[in-house]
Amino acid sequence: MNTRPPSLGARPLAWLLSLLFLLCVAVAPAPAMAANAPQEAVLAGGCFWCLEHDLEKLPGVLDAQSGYSGGAGANPTYGQVSAGGSGHQEVVRVRFDPARISYGALLRSYWRNIDPLDGGGQFCDRGSSYRPVIFTSGSDQQNQAQASLRSAAAELGRPVAALKVQIKPLNRFWPAEAYHQNYAELNSVKYNYYRWACGRDRRLDSVWGKRARSGAAWASGSKS
């Protein structure tokens, strides 16, 4: 009588190898998201022509787009927002490369391009549609925005409560009409006159001193 055990054959061996392969795949670490994938920030600081112009020229910023955010209504128009009552603010959506400029560094430039002491508008533009707001996406942006608020207050030598910039979760960004995009570049004469007449840079110099429009590291209690 043949007492040899039956051969496993090729097919069970192939199944075993397949099972081992699947187990290796299952325990392999998932590829991490690209650390340097473009990120976005949505910021309100008065006239979006000016804030778009000031932020899109920063090294590491890929694009800046004017739009609206903060209100409940869909597809807001410039007329609706500028008239007030829509709940929306004029905002700028900034796409940036975090390998070249961090969210925190972007916020430093944002702060020094606005008047954080004015919650009733910005410069010559008045009303809630022009008030300064940092719209955040996720807890990391929320935490960094709060930290930037404290740093800005320290640099100005003011209590945090004196700064009127709101920090709110982003609901949705609505692009503004095409004629508002790249307005400073495409309409430089009108833009420069508006900016001068509105007193934006004079007020920035008054509030921030030599650090106006700067992305330099935070300083405490001094504008020199």
Protein backbone atom coordinates (compact mmCIF):
# COMPACT_ATOMS: atom_id res chain seq x y z
CA MET A 1 0.00 0.00 0.00
CA ASN A 2 1.24 3.46 -0.83
CA THR A 3 1.61 5.34 2.47
CA ARG A 4 3.04 8.59 1.05
CA PRO A 5 1.02 11.69 1.95
CA PRO A 6 -0.87 13.27 -0.95
CA SER A 7 1.02 15.99 -2.82
CA LEU A 8 -0.10 19.57 -2.27
CA GLY A 9 0.34 20.25 -5.95
CA ALA A 10 0.96 23.63 -7.62
CA ARG A 11 -2.48 25.18 -7.11
CA PRO A 12 -2.51 25.24 -3.27
CA LEU A 13 1.02 26.64 -3.35
CA ALA A 14 -0.10 29.45 -5.63
CA TRP A 15 -3.00 30.20 -3.27
CA LEU A 16 -0.57 30.35 -0.35
CA LEU A 17 1.72 32.78 -2.18
CA SER A 18 -1.26 34.95 -3.14
CA LEU A 19 -2.42 35.02 0.47
CA LEU A 20 1.02 36.08 1.67
CA PHE A 21 1.11 38.84 -0.96
CA LEU A 22 -2.28 40.19 0.11
CA LEU A 23 -1.22 40.18 3.75
CA CYS A 24 1.91 42.18 2.89
CA VAL A 25 -0.16 44.72 0.96
CA ALA A 26 -2.65 45.02 3.81
CA VAL A 27 -0.02 45.86 6.42
CA ALA A 28 2.07 48.11 4.20
CA PRO A 29 1.81 51.78 5.21
CA ALA A 30 -0.47 53.85 3.01
CA PRO A 31 1.35 56.47 0.97
CA ALA A 32 1.25 59.81 2.75
CA MET A 33 -0.44 62.79 1.15
CA ALA A 34 2.01 65.06 -0.59
CA ALA A 35 3.29 67.35 2.12
CA ASN A 36 3.80 70.15 -0.36
CA ALA A 37 0.43 69.97 -2.10
CA PRO A 38 -1.04 73.47 -2.62
CA GLN A 39 -3.13 74.77 0.27
CA GLU A 40 -5.75 77.51 0.47
CA ALA A 41 -6.54 80.40 2.78
CA VAL A 42 -9.65 82.59 2.64
CA LEU A 43 -9.22 86.07 4.11
CA ALA A 44 -11.32 89.22 4.32
CA GLY A 45 -9.63 92.59 4.70
CA GLY A 46 -11.71 95.30 3.10
CA CYS A 47 -11.62 95.87 -0.66
CA PHE A 48 -10.71 92.59 -2.31
CA TRP A 49 -8.87 94.38 -5.12
CA CYS A 50 -6.29 95.57 -2.59
CA LEU A 51 -5.93 92.38 -0.58
CA GLU A 52 -5.64 90.29 -3.76
CA HIS A 53 -2.92 92.63 -5.02
CA ASP A 54 -1.02 92.59 -1.71
CA LEU A 55 -1.05 88.83 -1.17
CA GLU A 56 -0.66 87.39 -4.65
CA LYS A 57 2.80 88.92 -5.05
CA LEU A 58 4.21 87.08 -2.03
CA PRO A 59 6.82 84.40 -2.81
CA GLY A 60 5.11 81.02 -2.60
CA VAL A 61 1.63 82.30 -3.41
CA LEU A 62 0.38 80.56 -6.54
CA ASP A 63 -2.82 82.48 -7.11
CA ALA A 64 -5.21 84.90 -5.41
CA GLN A 65 -8.87 85.16 -6.39
CA SER A 66 -11.42 87.75 -5.29
CA GLY A 67 -14.77 86.51 -4.05
CA TYR A 68 -17.35 86.42 -1.28
CA SER A 69 -17.85 84.34 1.85
CA GLY A 70 -19.50 84.42 5.25
CA GLY A 71 -23.16 84.65 4.33
CA ALA A 72 -25.89 82.09 3.78
CA GLY A 73 -27.02 83.11 0.30
CA ALA A 74 -25.78 81.23 -2.75
CA ASN A 75 -24.13 82.90 -5.74
CA PRO A 76 -23.89 86.38 -4.23
CA THR A 77 -23.28 89.32 -6.54
CA TYR A 78 -21.16 92.39 -6.00
CA GLY A 79 -24.26 94.55 -5.81
CA GLN A 80 -25.82 92.38 -3.11
CA VAL A 81 -22.68 92.18 -1.00
CA SER A 82 -21.65 95.83 -1.26
CA ALA A 83 -25.18 96.95 -0.36
CA GLY A 84 -24.86 95.16 3.00
CA GLY A 85 -27.21 92.76 4.69
CA SER A 86 -26.13 89.64 2.78
CA GLY A 87 -23.86 88.41 5.57
CA HIS A 88 -21.06 87.98 3.04
CA GLN A 89 -17.70 89.73 3.13
CA GLU A 90 -15.44 90.59 0.24
CA VAL A 91 -12.69 87.97 0.53
CA VAL A 92 -9.64 86.66 -1.25
CA ARG A 93 -8.90 82.96 -1.70
CA VAL A 94 -5.15 82.42 -1.69
CA ARG A 95 -3.59 79.24 -3.09
CA PHE A 96 -0.06 78.79 -1.79
CA ASP A 97 2.84 76.35 -1.76
CA PRO A 98 3.49 75.43 1.90
CA ALA A 99 7.06 74.48 1.02
CA ARG A 100 7.71 78.13 0.14
CA ILE A 101 5.36 80.04 2.42
CA SER A 102 3.63 78.67 5.49
CA TYR A 103 0.07 79.47 6.52
CA GLY A 104 1.46 81.33 9.52
CA ALA A 105 3.74 83.47 7.35
CA LEU A 106 0.83 84.23 5.03
CA LEU A 107 -1.19 85.38 8.03
CA ARG A 108 1.61 87.73 9.11
CA SER A 109 1.41 89.48 5.75
CA TYR A 110 -2.38 89.51 5.95
CA TRP A 111 -2.40 91.23 9.35
CA ARG A 112 0.05 93.90 8.25
CA ASN A 113 -2.04 94.69 5.18
CA ILE A 114 -5.21 95.43 7.17
CA ASP A 115 -6.30 97.67 10.04
CA PRO A 116 -7.11 95.12 12.76
CA LEU A 117 -8.43 97.81 15.09
CA ASP A 118 -11.41 98.55 12.82
CA GLY A 119 -14.32 96.11 12.90
CA GLY A 120 -16.75 98.42 11.11
CA GLY A 121 -15.13 98.10 7.70
CA GLN A 122 -11.67 98.86 6.38
CA PHE A 123 -10.26 102.25 5.49
CA CYS A 124 -12.80 104.20 3.39
CA ASP A 125 -15.04 101.16 2.81
CA ARG A 126 -17.59 100.89 5.58
CA GLY A 127 -20.05 98.23 6.66
CA SER A 128 -20.01 94.54 7.56
CA SER A 129 -19.23 93.42 4.02
CA TYR A 130 -15.79 95.03 4.41
CA ARG A 131 -14.96 93.90 7.95
CA PRO A 132 -11.79 91.80 8.47
CA VAL A 133 -12.26 88.04 8.91
CA ILE A 134 -9.97 85.01 8.81
CA PHE A 135 -12.00 82.07 7.48
CA THR A 136 -10.43 78.79 8.58
CA SER A 137 -10.55 75.26 7.18
CA GLY A 138 -9.92 72.69 9.91
CA SER A 139 -8.51 72.81 13.41
CA ASP A 140 -4.92 73.48 12.33
CA GLN A 141 -5.82 76.70 10.53
CA GLN A 142 -8.10 77.64 13.43
CA ASN A 143 -5.27 77.21 15.96
CA GLN A 144 -2.77 79.10 13.81
CA ALA A 145 -5.23 81.93 13.25
CA GLN A 146 -5.79 82.27 16.99
CA ALA A 147 -2.03 82.26 17.56
CA SER A 148 -1.57 84.96 14.92
CA LEU A 149 -4.22 87.09 16.66
CA ARG A 150 -2.26 86.93 19.90
CA SER A 151 1.02 87.69 18.11
CA ALA A 152 -0.48 90.67 16.28
CA ALA A 153 -1.85 92.06 19.53
CA ALA A 154 1.55 91.67 21.20
CA GLU A 155 3.33 93.39 18.32
CA LEU A 156 0.92 96.32 18.49
CA GLY A 157 1.10 96.45 22.27
CA ARG A 158 -2.67 96.04 22.51
CA PRO A 159 -4.94 93.63 24.38
CA VAL A 160 -6.35 90.87 22.20
CA ALA A 161 -9.85 92.27 22.71
CA ALA A 162 -8.81 95.50 20.96
CA LEU A 163 -8.29 93.64 17.69
CA LYS A 164 -11.53 93.31 15.75
CA VAL A 165 -10.60 90.59 13.26
CA GLN A 166 -13.05 87.70 13.45
CA ILE A 167 -11.93 84.08 13.10
CA LYS A 168 -14.68 81.90 11.65
CA PRO A 169 -14.98 78.48 10.00
CA LEU A 170 -15.17 78.70 6.22
CA ASN A 171 -18.53 77.67 4.81
CA ARG A 172 -18.03 78.26 1.11
CA PHE A 173 -16.08 80.56 -1.18
CA TRP A 174 -17.96 82.19 -4.05
CA PRO A 175 -15.81 83.69 -6.85
CA ALA A 176 -16.49 87.32 -7.65
CA GLU A 177 -17.41 88.52 -11.11
CA ALA A 178 -14.71 88.31 -13.78
CA TYR A 179 -14.15 92.08 -13.94
CA HIS A 180 -13.01 92.08 -10.30
CA GLN A 181 -10.24 89.51 -10.87
CA ASN A 182 -6.70 90.90 -11.18
CA TYR A 183 -8.22 94.37 -11.03
CA ALA A 184 -5.04 96.10 -9.86
CA GLU A 185 -3.04 94.64 -12.73
CA LEU A 186 -5.63 95.24 -15.45
CA ASN A 187 -6.79 98.68 -14.27
CA SER A 188 -3.68 100.11 -12.66
CA VAL A 189 -4.56 103.82 -12.98
CA LYS A 190 -8.03 103.44 -11.46
CA TYR A 191 -6.73 101.05 -8.82
CA ASN A 192 -3.84 103.26 -7.72
CA TYR A 193 -6.11 106.29 -7.47
CA TYR A 194 -8.67 104.34 -5.45
CA ARG A 195 -6.03 103.02 -3.06
CA TRP A 196 -4.54 106.48 -2.55
CA ALA A 197 -7.93 108.18 -2.10
CA CYS A 198 -9.03 105.50 0.36
CA GLY A 199 -5.99 106.19 2.54
CA ARG A 200 -5.11 102.52 2.87
CA ASP A 201 -1.34 102.85 2.97
CA ARG A 202 -1.38 105.92 5.20
CA ARG A 203 -3.45 104.04 7.76
CA LEU A 204 -1.29 100.92 7.50
CA ASP A 205 1.80 103.01 8.18
CA SER A 206 0.07 104.59 11.17
CA VAL A 207 -0.96 101.23 12.67
CA TRP A 208 2.06 99.06 11.86
CA GLY A 209 4.92 101.52 11.43
CA LYS A 210 7.92 100.05 9.62
CA ARG A 211 6.32 96.61 9.59
CA ALA A 212 3.37 97.73 7.47
CA ARG A 213 2.86 95.38 4.48
CA SER A 214 5.69 93.16 5.81
CA GLY A 215 5.88 89.42 6.26
CA ALA A 216 8.75 89.62 8.76
CA ALA A 217 8.72 87.64 11.98
CA TRP A 218 6.50 88.90 14.78
CA ALA A 219 7.92 91.42 17.23
CA SER A 220 6.50 92.25 20.64
CA GLY A 221 5.30 95.66 21.71
CA SER A 222 7.17 97.75 19.15
CA LYS A 223 6.50 99.12 15.67
CA SER A 224 10.10 100.20 15.07
